[in-house]
């Protein structure tokens, strides 16, 4: 089992692992409240990737990984993940106007 310290590396390698063999890849999340530790594990019975954190701010990263895996499982492993990761969302969002006076 390999603990990966970099979140970006863990995310990239996890997606690669799933795309290589989507039928046997599993994703497990374990949280221990008494320790305050979150462990994410992705495995395909040949390779096992783990990421461990004790930072509460990294819960958003876990939600991002959940969304990526849900998208890959629902739409297939060849789907473009840019719409899920939000890298190109800034161009697609319309500009919102405030509640000020109409001109």
PDB file of N, CA and C in Angstrom:
ATOM      1  N   UNK A   1       0.836  -1.173   0.000  1.00  0.00           N
ATOM      2  CA  UNK A   1       0.000   0.000   0.000  1.00  0.00           C
ATOM      3  C   UNK A   1       0.884   1.240   0.000  1.00  0.00           C
ATOM      4  N   UNK A   2       0.509   2.169  -0.822  1.00  0.00           N
ATOM      5  CA  UNK A   2       1.292   3.377  -0.988  1.00  0.00           C
ATOM      6  C   UNK A   2       0.488   4.568  -0.473  1.00  0.00           C
ATOM      7  N   UNK A   3       1.046   5.285   0.494  1.00  0.00           N
ATOM      8  CA  UNK A   3       0.438   6.549   0.921  1.00  0.00           C
ATOM      9  C   UNK A   3       1.024   7.648   0.049  1.00  0.00           C
ATOM     10  N   UNK A   4       0.164   8.365  -0.629  1.00  0.00           N
ATOM     11  CA  UNK A   4       0.602   9.457  -1.486  1.00  0.00           C
ATOM     12  C   UNK A   4       0.387  10.760  -0.718  1.00  0.00           C
ATOM     13  N   UNK A   5       1.407  11.589  -0.659  1.00  0.00           N
ATOM     14  CA  UNK A   5       1.317  12.813   0.130  1.00  0.00           C
ATOM     15  C   UNK A   5       0.730  13.980  -0.654  1.00  0.00           C
ATOM     16  N   UNK A   6       0.869  13.964  -1.965  1.00  0.00           N
ATOM     17  CA  UNK A   6       0.356  15.053  -2.792  1.00  0.00           C
ATOM     18  C   UNK A   6      -1.066  14.733  -3.263  1.00  0.00           C
ATOM     19  N   UNK A   7      -1.994  15.665  -3.033  1.00  0.00           N
ATOM     20  CA  UNK A   7      -3.384  15.449  -3.425  1.00  0.00           C
ATOM     21  C   UNK A   7      -3.523  15.342  -4.937  1.00  0.00           C
ATOM     22  N   UNK A   8      -2.845  16.198  -5.686  1.00  0.00           N
ATOM     23  CA  UNK A   8      -2.965  16.177  -7.145  1.00  0.00           C
ATOM     24  C   UNK A   8      -2.458  14.867  -7.726  1.00  0.00           C
ATOM     25  N   UNK A   9      -1.361  14.357  -7.191  1.00  0.00           N
ATOM     26  CA  UNK A   9      -0.829  13.077  -7.654  1.00  0.00           C
ATOM     27  C   UNK A   9      -1.803  11.942  -7.325  1.00  0.00           C
ATOM     28  N   UNK A  10      -2.373  11.956  -6.124  1.00  0.00           N
ATOM     29  CA  UNK A  10      -3.350  10.936  -5.743  1.00  0.00           C
ATOM     30  C   UNK A  10      -4.562  10.978  -6.671  1.00  0.00           C
ATOM     31  N   UNK A  11      -5.055  12.163  -6.962  1.00  0.00           N
ATOM     32  CA  UNK A  11      -6.218  12.314  -7.831  1.00  0.00           C
ATOM     33  C   UNK A  11      -5.923  11.803  -9.232  1.00  0.00           C
ATOM     34  N   UNK A  12      -4.791  12.191  -9.801  1.00  0.00           N
ATOM     35  CA  UNK A  12      -4.434  11.758 -11.154  1.00  0.00           C
ATOM     36  C   UNK A  12      -4.242  10.249 -11.237  1.00  0.00           C
ATOM     37  N   UNK A  13      -3.511   9.694 -10.286  1.00  0.00           N
ATOM     38  CA  UNK A  13      -3.254   8.250 -10.314  1.00  0.00           C
ATOM     39  C   UNK A  13      -4.523   7.448 -10.057  1.00  0.00           C
ATOM     40  N   UNK A  14      -5.430   7.975  -9.235  1.00  0.00           N
ATOM     41  CA  UNK A  14      -6.696   7.283  -8.978  1.00  0.00           C
ATOM     42  C   UNK A  14      -7.561   7.231 -10.224  1.00  0.00           C
ATOM     43  N   UNK A  15      -7.629   8.342 -10.941  1.00  0.00           N
ATOM     44  CA  UNK A  15      -8.411   8.375 -12.180  1.00  0.00           C
ATOM     45  C   UNK A  15      -7.793   7.447 -13.224  1.00  0.00           C
ATOM     46  N   UNK A  16      -6.467   7.424 -13.320  1.00  0.00           N
ATOM     47  CA  UNK A  16      -5.796   6.515 -14.249  1.00  0.00           C
ATOM     48  C   UNK A  16      -6.077   5.062 -13.890  1.00  0.00           C
ATOM     49  N   UNK A  17      -6.052   4.756 -12.608  1.00  0.00           N
ATOM     50  CA  UNK A  17      -6.323   3.392 -12.149  1.00  0.00           C
ATOM     51  C   UNK A  17      -7.740   2.974 -12.507  1.00  0.00           C
ATOM     52  N   UNK A  18      -8.707   3.870 -12.310  1.00  0.00           N
ATOM     53  CA  UNK A  18     -10.088   3.552 -12.649  1.00  0.00           C
ATOM     54  C   UNK A  18     -10.266   3.380 -14.149  1.00  0.00           C
ATOM     55  N   UNK A  19      -9.662   4.260 -14.923  1.00  0.00           N
ATOM     56  CA  UNK A  19      -9.815   4.169 -16.377  1.00  0.00           C
ATOM     57  C   UNK A  19      -9.158   2.922 -16.945  1.00  0.00           C
ATOM     58  N   UNK A  20      -8.109   2.417 -16.308  1.00  0.00           N
ATOM     59  CA  UNK A  20      -7.435   1.211 -16.780  1.00  0.00           C
ATOM     60  C   UNK A  20      -8.295  -0.030 -16.578  1.00  0.00           C
ATOM     61  N   UNK A  21      -9.021  -0.107 -15.463  1.00  0.00           N
ATOM     62  CA  UNK A  21      -9.860  -1.279 -15.183  1.00  0.00           C
ATOM     63  C   UNK A  21     -11.080  -0.867 -14.360  1.00  0.00           C
ATOM     64  N   UNK A  22     -12.110  -0.299 -15.007  1.00  0.00           N
ATOM     65  CA  UNK A  22     -13.258   0.222 -14.257  1.00  0.00           C
ATOM     66  C   UNK A  22     -14.108  -0.842 -13.569  1.00  0.00           C
ATOM     67  N   UNK A  23     -14.054  -2.085 -14.045  1.00  0.00           N
ATOM     68  CA  UNK A  23     -14.897  -3.125 -13.455  1.00  0.00           C
ATOM     69  C   UNK A  23     -14.398  -3.609 -12.099  1.00  0.00           C
ATOM     70  N   UNK A  24     -13.102  -3.531 -11.847  1.00  0.00           N
ATOM     71  CA  UNK A  24     -12.597  -4.065 -10.586  1.00  0.00           C
ATOM     72  C   UNK A  24     -12.017  -2.995  -9.654  1.00  0.00           C
ATOM     73  N   UNK A  25     -12.121  -1.733 -10.024  1.00  0.00           N
ATOM     74  CA  UNK A  25     -11.584  -0.670  -9.178  1.00  0.00           C
ATOM     75  C   UNK A  25     -12.593  -0.289  -8.105  1.00  0.00           C
ATOM     76  N   UNK A  26     -12.103  -0.155  -6.874  1.00  0.00           N
ATOM     77  CA  UNK A  26     -12.948   0.229  -5.740  1.00  0.00           C
ATOM     78  C   UNK A  26     -12.392   1.488  -5.105  1.00  0.00           C
ATOM     79  N   UNK A  27     -13.302   2.253  -4.504  1.00  0.00           N
ATOM     80  CA  UNK A  27     -12.942   3.494  -3.811  1.00  0.00           C
ATOM     81  C   UNK A  27     -13.538   3.419  -2.419  1.00  0.00           C
ATOM     82  N   UNK A  28     -12.678   3.550  -1.403  1.00  0.00           N
ATOM     83  CA  UNK A  28     -13.120   3.426  -0.020  1.00  0.00           C
ATOM     84  C   UNK A  28     -12.717   4.689   0.735  1.00  0.00           C
ATOM     85  N   UNK A  29     -13.633   5.141   1.578  1.00  0.00           N
ATOM     86  CA  UNK A  29     -13.380   6.317   2.393  1.00  0.00           C
ATOM     87  C   UNK A  29     -13.575   5.910   3.851  1.00  0.00           C
ATOM     88  N   UNK A  30     -12.603   6.232   4.700  1.00  0.00           N
ATOM     89  CA  UNK A  30     -12.705   5.874   6.114  1.00  0.00           C
ATOM     90  C   UNK A  30     -12.364   7.095   6.957  1.00  0.00           C
ATOM     91  N   UNK A  31     -13.252   7.414   7.886  1.00  0.00           N
ATOM     92  CA  UNK A  31     -13.026   8.555   8.785  1.00  0.00           C
ATOM     93  C   UNK A  31     -13.099   8.079  10.222  1.00  0.00           C
ATOM     94  N   UNK A  32     -12.088   8.433  11.008  1.00  0.00           N
ATOM     95  CA  UNK A  32     -12.071   8.122  12.437  1.00  0.00           C
ATOM     96  C   UNK A  32     -12.217   9.424  13.194  1.00  0.00           C
ATOM     97  N   UNK A  33     -13.375   9.595  13.798  1.00  0.00           N
ATOM     98  CA  UNK A  33     -13.675  10.839  14.497  1.00  0.00           C
ATOM     99  C   UNK A  33     -12.757  11.051  15.702  1.00  0.00           C
ATOM    100  N   UNK A  34     -12.453   9.984  16.427  1.00  0.00           N
ATOM    101  CA  UNK A  34     -11.612  10.127  17.621  1.00  0.00           C
ATOM    102  C   UNK A  34     -10.201  10.593  17.261  1.00  0.00           C
ATOM    103  N   UNK A  35      -9.698  10.197  16.098  1.00  0.00           N
ATOM    104  CA  UNK A  35      -8.376  10.644  15.650  1.00  0.00           C
ATOM    105  C   UNK A  35      -8.471  11.885  14.770  1.00  0.00           C
ATOM    106  N   UNK A  36      -9.636  12.108  14.175  1.00  0.00           N
ATOM    107  CA  UNK A  36      -9.802  13.221  13.248  1.00  0.00           C
ATOM    108  C   UNK A  36      -9.078  12.987  11.938  1.00  0.00           C
ATOM    109  N   UNK A  37      -8.982  11.716  11.511  1.00  0.00           N
ATOM    110  CA  UNK A  37      -8.242  11.380  10.294  1.00  0.00           C
ATOM    111  C   UNK A  37      -9.176  10.813   9.238  1.00  0.00           C
ATOM    112  N   UNK A  38      -8.928  11.235   8.018  1.00  0.00           N
ATOM    113  CA  UNK A  38      -9.662  10.763   6.854  1.00  0.00           C
ATOM    114  C   UNK A  38      -8.691  10.019   5.957  1.00  0.00           C
ATOM    115  N   UNK A  39      -9.039   8.793   5.573  1.00  0.00           N
ATOM    116  CA  UNK A  39      -8.202   7.996   4.683  1.00  0.00           C
ATOM    117  C   UNK A  39      -9.035   7.641   3.463  1.00  0.00           C
ATOM    118  N   UNK A  40      -8.506   7.965   2.286  1.00  0.00           N
ATOM    119  CA  UNK A  40      -9.133   7.614   1.022  1.00  0.00           C
ATOM    120  C   UNK A  40      -8.283   6.538   0.369  1.00  0.00           C
ATOM    121  N   UNK A  41      -8.937   5.504  -0.145  1.00  0.00           N
ATOM    122  CA  UNK A  41      -8.206   4.387  -0.731  1.00  0.00           C
ATOM    123  C   UNK A  41      -8.842   4.009  -2.056  1.00  0.00           C
ATOM    124  N   UNK A  42      -8.019   3.847  -3.078  1.00  0.00           N
ATOM    125  CA  UNK A  42      -8.464   3.394  -4.393  1.00  0.00           C
ATOM    126  C   UNK A  42      -7.623   2.179  -4.739  1.00  0.00           C
ATOM    127  N   UNK A  43      -8.295   1.066  -5.084  1.00  0.00           N
ATOM    128  CA  UNK A  43      -7.567  -0.162  -5.371  1.00  0.00           C
ATOM    129  C   UNK A  43      -8.248  -0.940  -6.490  1.00  0.00           C
ATOM    130  N   UNK A  44      -7.441  -1.730  -7.188  1.00  0.00           N
ATOM    131  CA  UNK A  44      -7.977  -2.658  -8.195  1.00  0.00           C
ATOM    132  C   UNK A  44      -7.460  -4.076  -7.943  1.00  0.00           C
ATOM    133  N   UNK A  45      -7.105  -4.392  -6.708  1.00  0.00           N
ATOM    134  CA  UNK A  45      -6.584  -5.689  -6.242  1.00  0.00           C
ATOM    135  C   UNK A  45      -5.158  -5.957  -6.691  1.00  0.00           C
ATOM    136  N   UNK A  46      -4.590  -5.119  -7.543  1.00  0.00           N
ATOM    137  CA  UNK A  46      -3.189  -5.256  -7.925  1.00  0.00           C
ATOM    138  C   UNK A  46      -2.387  -4.071  -7.405  1.00  0.00           C
ATOM    139  N   UNK A  47      -3.002  -2.911  -7.437  1.00  0.00           N
ATOM    140  CA  UNK A  47      -2.360  -1.683  -6.992  1.00  0.00           C
ATOM    141  C   UNK A  47      -3.282  -0.987  -6.001  1.00  0.00           C
ATOM    142  N   UNK A  48      -2.718  -0.427  -4.944  1.00  0.00           N
ATOM    143  CA  UNK A  48      -3.505   0.228  -3.913  1.00  0.00           C
ATOM    144  C   UNK A  48      -2.911   1.607  -3.640  1.00  0.00           C
ATOM    145  N   UNK A  49      -3.754   2.629  -3.778  1.00  0.00           N
ATOM    146  CA  UNK A  49      -3.332   4.005  -3.531  1.00  0.00           C
ATOM    147  C   UNK A  49      -4.077   4.532  -2.324  1.00  0.00           C
ATOM    148  N   UNK A  50      -3.368   5.201  -1.414  1.00  0.00           N
ATOM    149  CA  UNK A  50      -4.004   5.740  -0.216  1.00  0.00           C
ATOM    150  C   UNK A  50      -3.576   7.188  -0.016  1.00  0.00           C
ATOM    151  N   UNK A  51      -4.512   7.964   0.511  1.00  0.00           N
ATOM    152  CA  UNK A  51      -4.255   9.353   0.869  1.00  0.00           C
ATOM    153  C   UNK A  51      -4.816   9.575   2.254  1.00  0.00           C
ATOM    154  N   UNK A  52      -3.983  10.115   3.151  1.00  0.00           N
ATOM    155  CA  UNK A  52      -4.391  10.321   4.545  1.00  0.00           C
ATOM    156  C   UNK A  52      -4.248  11.795   4.901  1.00  0.00           C
ATOM    157  N   UNK A  53      -5.250  12.313   5.617  1.00  0.00           N
ATOM    158  CA  UNK A  53      -5.191  13.698   6.059  1.00  0.00           C
ATOM    159  C   UNK A  53      -5.890  13.850   7.402  1.00  0.00           C
ATOM    160  N   UNK A  54      -5.512  14.898   8.103  1.00  0.00           N
ATOM    161  CA  UNK A  54      -6.196  15.248   9.345  1.00  0.00           C
ATOM    162  C   UNK A  54      -6.685  16.693   9.302  1.00  0.00           C
ATOM    163  N   UNK A  55      -6.689  17.283   8.115  1.00  0.00           N
ATOM    164  CA  UNK A  55      -7.120  18.664   7.938  1.00  0.00           C
ATOM    165  C   UNK A  55      -8.597  18.720   7.555  1.00  0.00           C
ATOM    166  N   UNK A  56      -9.373  19.499   8.282  1.00  0.00           N
ATOM    167  CA  UNK A  56     -10.806  19.605   8.019  1.00  0.00           C
ATOM    168  C   UNK A  56     -11.089  20.296   6.686  1.00  0.00           C
ATOM    169  N   UNK A  57     -10.188  21.182   6.240  1.00  0.00           N
ATOM    170  CA  UNK A  57     -10.403  21.882   4.988  1.00  0.00           C
ATOM    171  C   UNK A  57     -10.373  20.948   3.785  1.00  0.00           C
ATOM    172  N   UNK A  58      -9.767  19.801   3.927  1.00  0.00           N
ATOM    173  CA  UNK A  58      -9.628  18.885   2.806  1.00  0.00           C
ATOM    174  C   UNK A  58     -10.880  18.044   2.571  1.00  0.00           C
ATOM    175  N   UNK A  59     -11.936  18.295   3.307  1.00  0.00           N
ATOM    176  CA  UNK A  59     -13.199  17.591   3.053  1.00  0.00           C
ATOM    177  C   UNK A  59     -13.746  17.959   1.682  1.00  0.00           C
ATOM    178  N   UNK A  60     -13.502  19.180   1.224  1.00  0.00           N
ATOM    179  CA  UNK A  60     -13.932  19.588  -0.121  1.00  0.00           C
ATOM    180  C   UNK A  60     -13.232  18.761  -1.193  1.00  0.00           C
ATOM    181  N   UNK A  61     -11.987  18.408  -0.941  1.00  0.00           N
ATOM    182  CA  UNK A  61     -11.258  17.569  -1.891  1.00  0.00           C
ATOM    183  C   UNK A  61     -11.902  16.195  -1.987  1.00  0.00           C
ATOM    184  N   UNK A  62     -12.360  15.666  -0.848  1.00  0.00           N
ATOM    185  CA  UNK A  62     -13.035  14.377  -0.855  1.00  0.00           C
ATOM    186  C   UNK A  62     -14.324  14.456  -1.669  1.00  0.00           C
ATOM    187  N   UNK A  63     -15.076  15.555  -1.518  1.00  0.00           N
ATOM    188  CA  UNK A  63     -16.298  15.734  -2.296  1.00  0.00           C
ATOM    189  C   UNK A  63     -15.986  15.807  -3.786  1.00  0.00           C
ATOM    190  N   UNK A  64     -14.887  16.458  -4.129  1.00  0.00           N
ATOM    191  CA  UNK A  64     -14.473  16.557  -5.533  1.00  0.00           C
ATOM    192  C   UNK A  64     -14.159  15.166  -6.089  1.00  0.00           C
ATOM    193  N   UNK A  65     -13.444  14.346  -5.303  1.00  0.00           N
ATOM    194  CA  UNK A  65     -13.118  12.994  -5.745  1.00  0.00           C
ATOM    195  C   UNK A  65     -14.385  12.155  -5.892  1.00  0.00           C
ATOM    196  N   UNK A  66     -15.334  12.312  -4.974  1.00  0.00           N
ATOM    197  CA  UNK A  66     -16.615  11.603  -5.097  1.00  0.00           C
ATOM    198  C   UNK A  66     -17.315  11.981  -6.391  1.00  0.00           C
ATOM    199  N   UNK A  67     -17.366  13.265  -6.703  1.00  0.00           N
ATOM    200  CA  UNK A  67     -18.019  13.704  -7.933  1.00  0.00           C
ATOM    201  C   UNK A  67     -17.326  13.155  -9.173  1.00  0.00           C
ATOM    202  N   UNK A  68     -16.009  13.104  -9.142  1.00  0.00           N
ATOM    203  CA  UNK A  68     -15.263  12.562 -10.282  1.00  0.00           C
ATOM    204  C   UNK A  68     -15.573  11.085 -10.470  1.00  0.00           C
ATOM    205  N   UNK A  69     -15.546  10.314  -9.377  1.00  0.00           N
ATOM    206  CA  UNK A  69     -15.823   8.884  -9.502  1.00  0.00           C
ATOM    207  C   UNK A  69     -17.277   8.612  -9.884  1.00  0.00           C
ATOM    208  N   UNK A  70     -18.219   9.397  -9.365  1.00  0.00           N
ATOM    209  CA  UNK A  70     -19.616   9.232  -9.768  1.00  0.00           C
ATOM    210  C   UNK A  70     -19.776   9.501 -11.260  1.00  0.00           C
ATOM    211  N   UNK A  71     -19.112  10.517 -11.759  1.00  0.00           N
ATOM    212  CA  UNK A  71     -19.183  10.836 -13.182  1.00  0.00           C
ATOM    213  C   UNK A  71     -18.564   9.734 -14.023  1.00  0.00           C
ATOM    214  N   UNK A  72     -17.401   9.235 -13.608  1.00  0.00           N
ATOM    215  CA  UNK A  72     -16.755   8.159 -14.354  1.00  0.00           C
ATOM    216  C   UNK A  72     -17.602   6.894 -14.364  1.00  0.00           C
ATOM    217  N   UNK A  73     -18.255   6.594 -13.250  1.00  0.00           N
ATOM    218  CA  UNK A  73     -19.076   5.385 -13.174  1.00  0.00           C
ATOM    219  C   UNK A  73     -20.369   5.534 -13.963  1.00  0.00           C
ATOM    220  N   UNK A  74     -20.943   6.715 -13.968  1.00  0.00           N
ATOM    221  CA  UNK A  74     -22.227   6.909 -14.646  1.00  0.00           C
ATOM    222  C   UNK A  74     -22.072   7.102 -16.150  1.00  0.00           C
ATOM    223  N   UNK A  75     -21.074   7.887 -16.554  1.00  0.00           N
ATOM    224  CA  UNK A  75     -20.936   8.232 -17.965  1.00  0.00           C
ATOM    225  C   UNK A  75     -19.910   7.395 -18.707  1.00  0.00           C
ATOM    226  N   UNK A  76     -19.093   6.666 -17.997  1.00  0.00           N
ATOM    227  CA  UNK A  76     -18.069   5.842 -18.633  1.00  0.00           C
ATOM    228  C   UNK A  76     -16.686   6.422 -18.410  1.00  0.00           C
ATOM    229  N   UNK A  77     -15.662   5.582 -18.518  1.00  0.00           N
ATOM    230  CA  UNK A  77     -14.303   6.016 -18.210  1.00  0.00           C
ATOM    231  C   UNK A  77     -13.695   6.983 -19.226  1.00  0.00           C
ATOM    232  N   UNK A  78     -14.302   7.156 -20.400  1.00  0.00           N
ATOM    233  CA  UNK A  78     -13.736   8.044 -21.411  1.00  0.00           C
ATOM    234  C   UNK A  78     -14.274   9.470 -21.323  1.00  0.00           C
ATOM    235  N   UNK A  79     -15.094   9.782 -20.340  1.00  0.00           N
ATOM    236  CA  UNK A  79     -15.722  11.094 -20.227  1.00  0.00           C
ATOM    237  C   UNK A  79     -14.679  12.178 -19.945  1.00  0.00           C
ATOM    238  N   UNK A  80     -14.947  13.389 -20.439  1.00  0.00           N
ATOM    239  CA  UNK A  80     -14.086  14.539 -20.185  1.00  0.00           C
ATOM    240  C   UNK A  80     -14.365  15.059 -18.778  1.00  0.00           C
ATOM    241  N   UNK A  81     -13.367  15.097 -17.922  1.00  0.00           N
ATOM    242  CA  UNK A  81     -13.551  15.485 -16.526  1.00  0.00           C
ATOM    243  C   UNK A  81     -13.424  16.976 -16.290  1.00  0.00           C
ATOM    244  N   UNK A  82     -13.209  17.772 -17.317  1.00  0.00           N
ATOM    245  CA  UNK A  82     -13.037  19.212 -17.105  1.00  0.00           C
ATOM    246  C   UNK A  82     -14.311  19.869 -16.593  1.00  0.00           C
ATOM    247  N   UNK A  83     -15.480  19.330 -16.958  1.00  0.00           N
ATOM    248  CA  UNK A  83     -16.726  19.910 -16.461  1.00  0.00           C
ATOM    249  C   UNK A  83     -16.987  19.538 -15.009  1.00  0.00           C
ATOM    250  N   UNK A  84     -16.418  18.462 -14.535  1.00  0.00           N
ATOM    251  CA  UNK A  84     -16.597  18.041 -13.146  1.00  0.00           C
ATOM    252  C   UNK A  84     -15.598  18.751 -12.241  1.00  0.00           C
ATOM    253  N   UNK A  85     -14.363  18.884 -12.697  1.00  0.00           N
ATOM    254  CA  UNK A  85     -13.324  19.465 -11.858  1.00  0.00           C
ATOM    255  C   UNK A  85     -13.440  20.973 -11.750  1.00  0.00           C
ATOM    256  N   UNK A  86     -14.159  21.610 -12.662  1.00  0.00           N
ATOM    257  CA  UNK A  86     -14.400  23.040 -12.564  1.00  0.00           C
ATOM    258  C   UNK A  86     -13.292  23.902 -13.119  1.00  0.00           C
ATOM    259  N   UNK A  87     -12.401  23.328 -13.923  1.00  0.00           N
ATOM    260  CA  UNK A  87     -11.297  24.114 -14.462  1.00  0.00           C
ATOM    261  C   UNK A  87     -11.777  25.104 -15.521  1.00  0.00           C
ATOM    262  N   UNK A  88     -12.843  24.769 -16.232  1.00  0.00           N
ATOM    263  CA  UNK A  88     -13.325  25.641 -17.298  1.00  0.00           C
ATOM    264  C   UNK A  88     -14.673  26.264 -16.967  1.00  0.00           C
ATOM    265  N   UNK A  89     -15.095  26.211 -15.723  1.00  0.00           N
ATOM    266  CA  UNK A  89     -16.396  26.744 -15.356  1.00  0.00           C
ATOM    267  C   UNK A  89     -16.426  28.263 -15.331  1.00  0.00           C
ATOM    268  N   UNK A  90     -15.306  28.912 -15.161  1.00  0.00           N
ATOM    269  CA  UNK A  90     -15.305  30.363 -15.064  1.00  0.00           C
ATOM    270  C   UNK A  90     -15.736  31.011 -16.373  1.00  0.00           C
ATOM    271  N   UNK A  91     -15.431  30.386 -17.520  1.00  0.00           N
ATOM    272  CA  UNK A  91     -15.834  30.934 -18.803  1.00  0.00           C
ATOM    273  C   UNK A  91     -17.312  30.713 -19.068  1.00  0.00           C
ATOM    274  N   UNK A  92     -17.872  29.637 -18.551  1.00  0.00           N
ATOM    275  CA  UNK A  92     -19.254  29.275 -18.860  1.00  0.00           C
ATOM    276  C   UNK A  92     -20.274  29.965 -17.955  1.00  0.00           C
ATOM    277  N   UNK A  93     -19.858  30.525 -16.835  1.00  0.00           N
ATOM    278  CA  UNK A  93     -20.807  31.120 -15.908  1.00  0.00           C
ATOM    279  C   UNK A  93     -21.231  32.499 -16.385  1.00  0.00           C
ATOM    280  N   UNK A  94     -22.536  32.774 -16.391  1.00  0.00           N
ATOM    281  CA  UNK A  94     -22.990  34.103 -16.803  1.00  0.00           C
ATOM    282  C   UNK A  94     -22.678  35.137 -15.721  1.00  0.00           C
ATOM    283  N   UNK A  95     -22.551  36.372 -16.150  1.00  0.00           N
ATOM    284  CA  UNK A  95     -22.277  37.458 -15.221  1.00  0.00           C
ATOM    285  C   UNK A  95     -23.604  37.872 -14.576  1.00  0.00           C
ATOM    286  N   UNK A  96     -23.629  37.878 -13.251  1.00  0.00           N
ATOM    287  CA  UNK A  96     -24.843  38.229 -12.528  1.00  0.00           C
ATOM    288  C   UNK A  96     -24.798  39.706 -12.154  1.00  0.00           C
ATOM    289  N   UNK A  97     -25.926  40.361 -12.335  1.00  0.00           N
ATOM    290  CA  UNK A  97     -26.013  41.771 -11.979  1.00  0.00           C
ATOM    291  C   UNK A  97     -26.621  41.884 -10.591  1.00  0.00           C
ATOM    292  N   UNK A  98     -26.293  42.921  -9.900  1.00  0.00           N
ATOM    293  CA  UNK A  98     -26.811  43.139  -8.564  1.00  0.00           C
ATOM    294  C   UNK A  98     -28.269  43.600  -8.601  1.00  0.00           C
ATOM    295  N   UNK A  99     -28.805  43.948  -7.474  1.00  0.00           N
ATOM    296  CA  UNK A  99     -30.200  44.346  -7.364  1.00  0.00           C
ATOM    297  C   UNK A  99     -30.347  45.864  -7.441  1.00  0.00           C
ATOM    298  N   UNK A 100     -29.385  46.483  -8.056  1.00  0.00           N
ATOM    299  CA  UNK A 100     -29.393  47.935  -8.129  1.00  0.00           C
ATOM    300  C   UNK A 100     -30.442  48.486  -9.082  1.00  0.00           C
ATOM    301  N   UNK A 101     -30.423  49.770  -9.260  1.00  0.00           N
ATOM    302  CA  UNK A 101     -31.387  50.470 -10.086  1.00  0.00           C
ATOM    303  C   UNK A 101     -31.158  50.166 -11.567  1.00  0.00           C
ATOM    304  N   UNK A 102     -32.230  49.955 -12.319  1.00  0.00           N
ATOM    305  CA  UNK A 102     -32.117  49.722 -13.755  1.00  0.00           C
ATOM    306  C   UNK A 102     -31.773  51.013 -14.459  1.00  0.00           C
ATOM    307  N   UNK A 103     -30.962  50.890 -15.497  1.00  0.00           N
ATOM    308  CA  UNK A 103     -30.555  52.083 -16.234  1.00  0.00           C
ATOM    309  C   UNK A 103     -31.073  52.067 -17.632  1.00  0.00           C
TER     310      UNK A 103
END
